[in-house]
Amino acid sequence: MAVEAEKSGPDGKLWSLFKNPFGQSRNASSSSSSSSSSTLSSMHNVHQLGQTHESVERAALHSASTVSYVTKSLLPARRRLRLDPANKLFFPYEPGKQVKSAIGIKNTSKSHVAFKFQTTAPKSCYMRPPGGILAPGESLIATVFKFVEPPETNEKLVDQKSRVKFKIMSLKVKGDMDYVPELFDEQKDQVVVEQVLRVVFLDPERPTLAMEKLKRQLAEAEAALEARKKPPEDTGPRIVGEGLVIDEWKERRERYLAQQQVEGVDSV
């Protein structure tokens, strides 16, 4: 039809001339709109890609923090105390009597550490001391007392097992201070369970290395207790008031009185 219009005359040619520009204009407009829509689509895709990337980063950070928290919770806490024995309390098996055990506690950290005993049988067990504060490198031997229940049947010693357990907890403290049990209640999030100790009975009539070590530790604990009970030794004259040396003054007065007595006897 367009070819026939061009041959029909000026009107046809003019129509043909007008028809083609409009056709080109429509094509250009359609191409422009398509390019604009493709540009908008590309921008939208880029925006979505950025949001997806940001979401992935957030998910990765959250996952990493979760893994870190889980890892920290699963890893054992760093020990502040060294125990001897490490995880047991040896008691001589004497049914119907109160027996003693001992455990060495040493502060292996670089700060002052408070420790505290706990037991599942507070009515039949107690510790001396039940708690305290150790300076860096300081150590002591704690004594644990336990009443041994008589067996219900004639069971052998090897069959005797105790459900009683002991727990030693530690807490980092600032400097040298007085120990109070409330420290562990005020700072619960900083408390570390050092060890749960299991009770092991020993035959007191059978010589073993564990029994010999227990006797030695108990003797050292008793010696340290007696040393703490003794009053401090007098290391020299005591200075009171304005620098007056009481002991030296007493000695001078005694010498003066003795000299006066000698002179009185001579004169008589």
C-alpha atoms as a PDB file:
ATOM      1  CA  MET A   1       0.000   0.000   0.000  1.00  0.00           C
ATOM      2  CA  ALA A   2       2.814   2.433   0.736  1.00  0.00           C
ATOM      3  CA  VAL A   3       4.334   1.911  -2.717  1.00  0.00           C
ATOM      4  CA  GLU A   4       1.050   2.526  -4.423  1.00  0.00           C
ATOM      5  CA  ALA A   5       0.550   5.727  -2.417  1.00  0.00           C
ATOM      6  CA  GLU A   6       3.899   7.083  -3.587  1.00  0.00           C
ATOM      7  CA  LYS A   7       2.938   6.510  -7.248  1.00  0.00           C
ATOM      8  CA  SER A   8      -0.544   7.980  -6.882  1.00  0.00           C
ATOM      9  CA  GLY A   9       0.620  11.576  -6.737  1.00  0.00           C
ATOM     10  CA  PRO A  10       1.811  14.343  -4.428  1.00  0.00           C
ATOM     11  CA  ASP A  11      -0.773  13.582  -1.777  1.00  0.00           C
ATOM     12  CA  GLY A  12       0.263  10.012  -1.700  1.00  0.00           C
ATOM     13  CA  LYS A  13       3.900  10.993  -1.585  1.00  0.00           C
ATOM     14  CA  LEU A  14       3.223  13.529   1.126  1.00  0.00           C
ATOM     15  CA  TRP A  15       1.327  10.923   3.101  1.00  0.00           C
ATOM     16  CA  SER A  16       4.158   8.586   2.611  1.00  0.00           C
ATOM     17  CA  LEU A  17       6.599  11.226   3.866  1.00  0.00           C
ATOM     18  CA  PHE A  18       4.470  11.945   6.896  1.00  0.00           C
ATOM     19  CA  LYS A  19       3.769   8.295   7.536  1.00  0.00           C
ATOM     20  CA  ASN A  20       7.404   7.241   7.716  1.00  0.00           C
ATOM     21  CA  PRO A  21       8.496   9.947  10.211  1.00  0.00           C
ATOM     22  CA  PHE A  22       5.629   9.037  12.535  1.00  0.00           C
ATOM     23  CA  GLY A  23       6.572   5.413  12.192  1.00  0.00           C
ATOM     24  CA  GLN A  24      10.171   6.223  13.027  1.00  0.00           C
ATOM     25  CA  SER A  25       9.053   8.408  15.931  1.00  0.00           C
ATOM     26  CA  ARG A  26       6.970   5.588  17.330  1.00  0.00           C
ATOM     27  CA  ASN A  27       9.865   3.188  17.019  1.00  0.00           C
ATOM     28  CA  ALA A  28      12.232   5.669  18.653  1.00  0.00           C
ATOM     29  CA  SER A  29       9.745   6.305  21.459  1.00  0.00           C
ATOM     30  CA  SER A  30       9.213   2.613  21.992  1.00  0.00           C
ATOM     31  CA  SER A  31      12.978   1.977  21.997  1.00  0.00           C
ATOM     32  CA  SER A  32      13.500   4.865  24.422  1.00  0.00           C
ATOM     33  CA  SER A  33      10.822   3.606  26.773  1.00  0.00           C
ATOM     34  CA  SER A  34      12.213   0.084  26.567  1.00  0.00           C
ATOM     35  CA  SER A  35      15.716   1.351  27.317  1.00  0.00           C
ATOM     36  CA  SER A  36      14.380   3.367  30.268  1.00  0.00           C
ATOM     37  CA  SER A  37      12.505   0.388  31.612  1.00  0.00           C
ATOM     38  CA  SER A  38      15.599  -1.784  31.184  1.00  0.00           C
ATOM     39  CA  THR A  39      17.651   0.840  33.040  1.00  0.00           C
ATOM     40  CA  LEU A  40      15.126   0.946  35.869  1.00  0.00           C
ATOM     41  CA  SER A  41      15.076  -2.830  35.926  1.00  0.00           C
ATOM     42  CA  SER A  42      18.861  -2.915  36.109  1.00  0.00           C
ATOM     43  CA  MET A  43      18.867  -0.366  38.945  1.00  0.00           C
ATOM     44  CA  HIS A  44      16.227  -2.390  40.748  1.00  0.00           C
ATOM     45  CA  ASN A  45      18.288  -5.531  40.300  1.00  0.00           C
ATOM     46  CA  VAL A  46      21.388  -3.752  41.623  1.00  0.00           C
ATOM     47  CA  HIS A  47      19.419  -2.500  44.630  1.00  0.00           C
ATOM     48  CA  GLN A  48      18.100  -5.972  45.310  1.00  0.00           C
ATOM     49  CA  LEU A  49      21.595  -7.372  44.928  1.00  0.00           C
ATOM     50  CA  GLY A  50      22.908  -4.820  47.435  1.00  0.00           C
ATOM     51  CA  GLN A  51      20.166  -5.695  49.889  1.00  0.00           C
ATOM     52  CA  THR A  52      20.886  -9.385  49.415  1.00  0.00           C
ATOM     53  CA  HIS A  53      24.605  -8.811  49.977  1.00  0.00           C
ATOM     54  CA  GLU A  54      23.882  -6.791  53.124  1.00  0.00           C
ATOM     55  CA  SER A  55      21.548  -9.503  54.385  1.00  0.00           C
ATOM     56  CA  VAL A  56      24.214 -12.115  53.754  1.00  0.00           C
ATOM     57  CA  GLU A  57      26.773 -10.038  55.665  1.00  0.00           C
ATOM     58  CA  ARG A  58      24.399  -9.619  58.606  1.00  0.00           C
ATOM     59  CA  ALA A  59      23.626 -13.321  58.609  1.00  0.00           C
ATOM     60  CA  ALA A  60      27.345 -14.118  58.496  1.00  0.00           C
ATOM     61  CA  LEU A  61      28.099 -11.761  61.399  1.00  0.00           C
ATOM     62  CA  HIS A  62      25.239 -13.182  63.425  1.00  0.00           C
ATOM     63  CA  SER A  63      26.373 -16.709  62.672  1.00  0.00           C
ATOM     64  CA  ALA A  64      29.959 -15.851  63.609  1.00  0.00           C
ATOM     65  CA  SER A  65      28.876 -14.279  66.907  1.00  0.00           C
ATOM     66  CA  THR A  66      26.676 -17.270  67.653  1.00  0.00           C
ATOM     67  CA  VAL A  67      29.504 -19.687  66.925  1.00  0.00           C
ATOM     68  CA  SER A  68      31.872 -17.611  69.074  1.00  0.00           C
ATOM     69  CA  TYR A  69      29.410 -17.618  71.973  1.00  0.00           C
ATOM     70  CA  VAL A  70      28.823 -21.343  71.680  1.00  0.00           C
ATOM     71  CA  THR A  71      32.566 -21.984  71.461  1.00  0.00           C
ATOM     72  CA  LYS A  72      33.247 -19.903  74.576  1.00  0.00           C
ATOM     73  CA  SER A  73      30.487 -21.677  76.451  1.00  0.00           C
ATOM     74  CA  LEU A  74      31.852 -25.090  75.476  1.00  0.00           C
ATOM     75  CA  LEU A  75      35.493 -24.313  76.233  1.00  0.00           C
ATOM     76  CA  PRO A  76      36.543 -24.946  79.847  1.00  0.00           C
ATOM     77  CA  ALA A  77      37.127 -21.864  81.946  1.00  0.00           C
ATOM     78  CA  ARG A  78      40.699 -20.967  82.768  1.00  0.00           C
ATOM     79  CA  ARG A  79      41.678 -22.389  86.145  1.00  0.00           C
ATOM     80  CA  ARG A  80      42.864 -20.082  88.882  1.00  0.00           C
ATOM     81  CA  LEU A  81      43.653 -22.751  91.471  1.00  0.00           C
ATOM     82  CA  ARG A  82      45.723 -25.906  91.464  1.00  0.00           C
ATOM     83  CA  LEU A  83      44.350 -28.688  93.641  1.00  0.00           C
ATOM     84  CA  ASP A  84      46.191 -31.619  95.196  1.00  0.00           C
ATOM     85  CA  PRO A  85      44.598 -34.190  94.831  1.00  0.00           C
ATOM     86  CA  ALA A  86      43.156 -32.870  91.602  1.00  0.00           C
ATOM     87  CA  ASN A  87      39.650 -34.351  91.606  1.00  0.00           C
ATOM     88  CA  LYS A  88      39.244 -36.623  94.648  1.00  0.00           C
ATOM     89  CA  LEU A  89      38.967 -36.469  98.421  1.00  0.00           C
ATOM     90  CA  PHE A  90      40.438 -39.494 100.206  1.00  0.00           C
ATOM     91  CA  PHE A  91      38.908 -40.478 103.545  1.00  0.00           C
ATOM     92  CA  PRO A  92      39.858 -43.381 105.817  1.00  0.00           C
ATOM     93  CA  TYR A  93      36.930 -45.751 106.008  1.00  0.00           C
ATOM     94  CA  GLU A  94      35.906 -45.886 109.678  1.00  0.00           C
ATOM     95  CA  PRO A  95      32.147 -46.445 109.938  1.00  0.00           C
ATOM     96  CA  GLY A  96      30.390 -44.563 112.704  1.00  0.00           C
ATOM     97  CA  LYS A  97      33.259 -42.081 113.153  1.00  0.00           C
ATOM     98  CA  GLN A  98      34.163 -38.626 111.944  1.00  0.00           C
ATOM     99  CA  VAL A  99      37.135 -38.857 109.615  1.00  0.00           C
ATOM    100  CA  LYS A 100      39.327 -36.242 107.947  1.00  0.00           C
ATOM    101  CA  SER A 101      40.644 -35.576 104.484  1.00  0.00           C
ATOM    102  CA  ALA A 102      42.998 -32.904 103.160  1.00  0.00           C
ATOM    103  CA  ILE A 103      43.489 -31.036  99.913  1.00  0.00           C
ATOM    104  CA  GLY A 104      46.165 -28.582  98.854  1.00  0.00           C
ATOM    105  CA  ILE A 105      45.006 -25.350  97.207  1.00  0.00           C
ATOM    106  CA  LYS A 106      47.406 -23.003  95.386  1.00  0.00           C
ATOM    107  CA  ASN A 107      46.673 -19.765  93.568  1.00  0.00           C
ATOM    108  CA  THR A 108      48.335 -20.056  90.158  1.00  0.00           C
ATOM    109  CA  SER A 109      46.987 -16.762  88.761  1.00  0.00           C
ATOM    110  CA  LYS A 110      48.521 -13.282  88.867  1.00  0.00           C
ATOM    111  CA  SER A 111      45.797 -11.760  91.036  1.00  0.00           C
ATOM    112  CA  HIS A 112      44.190 -12.385  94.417  1.00  0.00           C
ATOM    113  CA  VAL A 113      41.647 -15.208  94.266  1.00  0.00           C
ATOM    114  CA  ALA A 114      38.858 -16.071  96.681  1.00  0.00           C
ATOM    115  CA  PHE A 115      37.861 -19.719  97.019  1.00  0.00           C
ATOM    116  CA  LYS A 116      34.841 -21.376  98.561  1.00  0.00           C
ATOM    117  CA  PHE A 117      33.791 -24.943  99.428  1.00  0.00           C
ATOM    118  CA  GLN A 118      30.356 -26.398  98.829  1.00  0.00           C
ATOM    119  CA  THR A 119      29.040 -29.873  99.603  1.00  0.00           C
ATOM    120  CA  THR A 120      25.929 -31.883  98.919  1.00  0.00           C
ATOM    121  CA  ALA A 121      25.862 -33.017 102.588  1.00  0.00           C
ATOM    122  CA  PRO A 122      26.275 -29.914 104.779  1.00  0.00           C
ATOM    123  CA  LYS A 123      24.847 -31.716 107.850  1.00  0.00           C
ATOM    124  CA  SER A 124      27.532 -34.406 107.922  1.00  0.00           C
ATOM    125  CA  CYS A 125      30.471 -32.549 106.350  1.00  0.00           C
ATOM    126  CA  TYR A 126      32.295 -29.307 106.934  1.00  0.00           C
ATOM    127  CA  MET A 127      35.526 -27.718 105.770  1.00  0.00           C
ATOM    128  CA  ARG A 128      38.299 -25.824 107.557  1.00  0.00           C
ATOM    129  CA  PRO A 129      38.596 -23.185 106.292  1.00  0.00           C
ATOM    130  CA  PRO A 130      35.308 -23.071 104.342  1.00  0.00           C
ATOM    131  CA  GLY A 131      36.737 -20.295 102.185  1.00  0.00           C
ATOM    132  CA  GLY A 132      39.409 -17.660 101.977  1.00  0.00           C
ATOM    133  CA  ILE A 133      41.529 -15.400  99.802  1.00  0.00           C
ATOM    134  CA  LEU A 134      44.912 -16.400  98.404  1.00  0.00           C
ATOM    135  CA  ALA A 135      47.540 -14.017  97.097  1.00  0.00           C
ATOM    136  CA  PRO A 136      49.339 -14.859  93.824  1.00  0.00           C
ATOM    137  CA  GLY A 137      51.442 -17.957  94.427  1.00  0.00           C
ATOM    138  CA  GLU A 138      50.072 -18.500  97.946  1.00  0.00           C
ATOM    139  CA  SER A 139      48.933 -21.958  99.014  1.00  0.00           C
ATOM    140  CA  LEU A 140      47.333 -23.741 101.958  1.00  0.00           C
ATOM    141  CA  ILE A 141      46.060 -27.161 102.969  1.00  0.00           C
ATOM    142  CA  ALA A 142      42.352 -27.323 103.754  1.00  0.00           C
ATOM    143  CA  THR A 143      40.909 -30.018 106.022  1.00  0.00           C
ATOM    144  CA  VAL A 144      37.584 -31.665 105.256  1.00  0.00           C
ATOM    145  CA  PHE A 145      35.614 -33.467 107.984  1.00  0.00           C
ATOM    146  CA  LYS A 146      33.038 -36.148 107.219  1.00  0.00           C
ATOM    147  CA  PHE A 147      30.945 -38.507 109.308  1.00  0.00           C
ATOM    148  CA  VAL A 148      30.981 -42.018 107.843  1.00  0.00           C
ATOM    149  CA  GLU A 149      27.625 -43.726 108.037  1.00  0.00           C
ATOM    150  CA  PRO A 150      27.708 -47.386 109.132  1.00  0.00           C
ATOM    151  CA  PRO A 151      26.841 -49.781 106.320  1.00  0.00           C
ATOM    152  CA  GLU A 152      23.384 -51.335 106.314  1.00  0.00           C
ATOM    153  CA  THR A 153      24.824 -54.729 105.410  1.00  0.00           C
ATOM    154  CA  ASN A 154      28.205 -56.379 105.784  1.00  0.00           C
ATOM    155  CA  GLU A 155      29.565 -54.907 102.599  1.00  0.00           C
ATOM    156  CA  LYS A 156      33.230 -54.918 101.785  1.00  0.00           C
ATOM    157  CA  LEU A 157      35.286 -51.770 101.720  1.00  0.00           C
ATOM    158  CA  VAL A 158      35.761 -51.919  97.967  1.00  0.00           C
ATOM    159  CA  ASP A 159      31.985 -51.858  97.569  1.00  0.00           C
ATOM    160  CA  GLN A 160      31.531 -48.752  99.677  1.00  0.00           C
ATOM    161  CA  LYS A 161      30.668 -45.723  97.590  1.00  0.00           C
ATOM    162  CA  SER A 162      29.588 -42.294  98.687  1.00  0.00           C
ATOM    163  CA  ARG A 163      27.211 -40.019  96.846  1.00  0.00           C
ATOM    164  CA  VAL A 164      28.550 -37.011  98.705  1.00  0.00           C
ATOM    165  CA  LYS A 165      30.382 -34.549  96.482  1.00  0.00           C
ATOM    166  CA  PHE A 166      32.343 -31.400  97.127  1.00  0.00           C
ATOM    167  CA  LYS A 167      32.771 -28.404  94.887  1.00  0.00           C
ATOM    168  CA  ILE A 168      35.471 -25.740  94.960  1.00  0.00           C
ATOM    169  CA  MET A 169      34.679 -22.377  93.368  1.00  0.00           C
ATOM    170  CA  SER A 170      36.972 -19.423  92.715  1.00  0.00           C
ATOM    171  CA  LEU A 171      36.498 -15.697  92.229  1.00  0.00           C
ATOM    172  CA  LYS A 172      39.018 -13.066  91.162  1.00  0.00           C
ATOM    173  CA  VAL A 173      39.160 -10.184  93.668  1.00  0.00           C
ATOM    174  CA  LYS A 174      40.959  -6.847  93.750  1.00  0.00           C
ATOM    175  CA  GLY A 175      43.886  -6.773  96.128  1.00  0.00           C
ATOM    176  CA  ASP A 176      44.118  -8.057  99.664  1.00  0.00           C
ATOM    177  CA  MET A 177      40.741  -7.890 101.381  1.00  0.00           C
ATOM    178  CA  ASP A 178      38.715  -9.658 104.047  1.00  0.00           C
ATOM    179  CA  TYR A 179      36.927 -12.794 102.931  1.00  0.00           C
ATOM    180  CA  VAL A 180      33.152 -12.923 103.181  1.00  0.00           C
ATOM    181  CA  PRO A 181      30.976 -15.617 101.560  1.00  0.00           C
ATOM    182  CA  GLU A 182      28.691 -12.917 100.121  1.00  0.00           C
ATOM    183  CA  LEU A 183      31.375 -12.148  97.538  1.00  0.00           C
ATOM    184  CA  PHE A 184      30.245 -15.153  95.524  1.00  0.00           C
ATOM    185  CA  ASP A 185      26.610 -14.019  95.610  1.00  0.00           C
ATOM    186  CA  GLU A 186      27.406 -10.465  94.550  1.00  0.00           C
ATOM    187  CA  GLN A 187      29.496 -11.525  91.524  1.00  0.00           C
ATOM    188  CA  LYS A 188      27.843 -14.719  90.325  1.00  0.00           C
ATOM    189  CA  ASP A 189      28.773 -14.122  86.683  1.00  0.00           C
ATOM    190  CA  GLN A 190      32.491 -14.080  87.579  1.00  0.00           C
ATOM    191  CA  VAL A 191      32.487 -17.275  89.659  1.00  0.00           C
ATOM    192  CA  VAL A 192      34.319 -20.280  88.200  1.00  0.00           C
ATOM    193  CA  VAL A 193      33.756 -23.867  89.318  1.00  0.00           C
ATOM    194  CA  GLU A 194      37.300 -25.135  89.723  1.00  0.00           C
ATOM    195  CA  GLN A 195      36.520 -28.784  90.361  1.00  0.00           C
ATOM    196  CA  VAL A 196      33.895 -31.210  91.611  1.00  0.00           C
ATOM    197  CA  LEU A 197      35.580 -33.590  94.055  1.00  0.00           C
ATOM    198  CA  ARG A 198      34.531 -37.212  94.419  1.00  0.00           C
ATOM    199  CA  VAL A 199      34.804 -39.050  97.758  1.00  0.00           C
ATOM    200  CA  VAL A 200      37.064 -42.098  97.812  1.00  0.00           C
ATOM    201  CA  PHE A 201      37.418 -44.320 100.894  1.00  0.00           C
ATOM    202  CA  LEU A 202      40.731 -45.862 101.908  1.00  0.00           C
ATOM    203  CA  ASP A 203      41.476 -48.772 104.189  1.00  0.00           C
ATOM    204  CA  PRO A 204      43.304 -47.204 107.167  1.00  0.00           C
ATOM    205  CA  GLU A 205      45.049 -50.502 107.965  1.00  0.00           C
ATOM    206  CA  ARG A 206      46.403 -50.962 104.487  1.00  0.00           C
ATOM    207  CA  PRO A 207      49.515 -48.906 103.624  1.00  0.00           C
ATOM    208  CA  THR A 208      49.133 -47.161 100.293  1.00  0.00           C
ATOM    209  CA  LEU A 209      50.688 -44.114  98.695  1.00  0.00           C
ATOM    210  CA  ALA A 210      47.370 -42.264  98.877  1.00  0.00           C
ATOM    211  CA  MET A 211      47.054 -43.025 102.599  1.00  0.00           C
ATOM    212  CA  GLU A 212      50.616 -41.911 103.337  1.00  0.00           C
ATOM    213  CA  LYS A 213      50.081 -38.688 101.409  1.00  0.00           C
ATOM    214  CA  LEU A 214      46.830 -38.033 103.279  1.00  0.00           C
ATOM    215  CA  LYS A 215      48.558 -38.452 106.652  1.00  0.00           C
ATOM    216  CA  ARG A 216      51.345 -36.089 105.595  1.00  0.00           C
ATOM    217  CA  GLN A 217      48.907 -33.419 104.401  1.00  0.00           C
ATOM    218  CA  LEU A 218      46.842 -33.666 107.587  1.00  0.00           C
ATOM    219  CA  ALA A 219      49.999 -33.229 109.696  1.00  0.00           C
ATOM    220  CA  GLU A 220      50.995 -30.142 107.703  1.00  0.00           C
ATOM    221  CA  ALA A 221      47.487 -28.691 108.054  1.00  0.00           C
ATOM    222  CA  GLU A 222      47.537 -29.199 111.851  1.00  0.00           C
ATOM    223  CA  ALA A 223      50.991 -27.625 112.128  1.00  0.00           C
ATOM    224  CA  ALA A 224      49.854 -24.581 110.145  1.00  0.00           C
ATOM    225  CA  LEU A 225      46.770 -24.267 112.357  1.00  0.00           C
ATOM    226  CA  GLU A 226      48.828 -24.358 115.548  1.00  0.00           C
ATOM    227  CA  ALA A 227      51.212 -21.763 114.109  1.00  0.00           C
ATOM    228  CA  ARG A 228      48.286 -19.415 113.438  1.00  0.00           C
ATOM    229  CA  LYS A 229      47.024 -19.850 117.002  1.00  0.00           C
ATOM    230  CA  LYS A 230      50.327 -18.797 118.605  1.00  0.00           C
ATOM    231  CA  PRO A 231      50.691 -15.097 119.449  1.00  0.00           C
ATOM    232  CA  PRO A 232      53.260 -13.188 117.420  1.00  0.00           C
ATOM    233  CA  GLU A 233      56.771 -13.322 118.815  1.00  0.00           C
ATOM    234  CA  ASP A 234      58.242 -10.238 120.478  1.00  0.00           C
ATOM    235  CA  THR A 235      60.800  -8.986 117.975  1.00  0.00           C
ATOM    236  CA  GLY A 236      62.054  -6.048 120.042  1.00  0.00           C
ATOM    237  CA  PRO A 237      61.095  -3.181 122.325  1.00  0.00           C
ATOM    238  CA  ARG A 238      57.682  -1.708 121.785  1.00  0.00           C
ATOM    239  CA  ILE A 239      57.544   2.015 121.171  1.00  0.00           C
ATOM    240  CA  VAL A 240      54.490   3.822 122.508  1.00  0.00           C
ATOM    241  CA  GLY A 241      53.511   7.425 123.120  1.00  0.00           C
ATOM    242  CA  GLU A 242      56.131   9.892 122.018  1.00  0.00           C
ATOM    243  CA  GLY A 243      58.812   7.356 121.181  1.00  0.00           C
ATOM    244  CA  LEU A 244      59.266   6.043 124.757  1.00  0.00           C
ATOM    245  CA  VAL A 245      60.923   2.606 124.847  1.00  0.00           C
ATOM    246  CA  ILE A 246      59.143   0.800 127.650  1.00  0.00           C
ATOM    247  CA  ASP A 247      61.402  -2.234 127.904  1.00  0.00           C
ATOM    248  CA  GLU A 248      64.606  -0.204 127.932  1.00  0.00           C
ATOM    249  CA  TRP A 249      63.174   2.125 130.586  1.00  0.00           C
ATOM    250  CA  LYS A 250      62.264  -0.853 132.763  1.00  0.00           C
ATOM    251  CA  GLU A 251      65.756  -2.278 132.463  1.00  0.00           C
ATOM    252  CA  ARG A 252      67.354   1.034 133.471  1.00  0.00           C
ATOM    253  CA  ARG A 253      65.037   1.366 136.465  1.00  0.00           C
ATOM    254  CA  GLU A 254      65.757  -2.189 137.590  1.00  0.00           C
ATOM    255  CA  ARG A 255      69.500  -1.564 137.340  1.00  0.00           C
ATOM    256  CA  TYR A 256      69.120   1.687 139.314  1.00  0.00           C
ATOM    257  CA  LEU A 257      67.121   0.009 142.076  1.00  0.00           C
ATOM    258  CA  ALA A 258      69.592  -2.832 142.268  1.00  0.00           C
ATOM    259  CA  GLN A 259      72.466  -0.361 142.563  1.00  0.00           C
ATOM    260  CA  GLN A 260      70.647   1.526 145.327  1.00  0.00           C
ATOM    261  CA  GLN A 261      70.165  -1.716 147.242  1.00  0.00           C
ATOM    262  CA  VAL A 262      73.847  -2.586 146.922  1.00  0.00           C
ATOM    263  CA  GLU A 263      74.874   0.864 148.112  1.00  0.00           C
ATOM    264  CA  GLY A 264      72.477   0.591 151.046  1.00  0.00           C
ATOM    265  CA  VAL A 265      73.966  -2.749 152.083  1.00  0.00           C
ATOM    266  CA  ASP A 266      77.488  -1.363 151.853  1.00  0.00           C
ATOM    267  CA  SER A 267      76.599   1.610 153.993  1.00  0.00           C
ATOM    268  CA  VAL A 268      75.095  -0.628 156.672  1.00  0.00           C
END
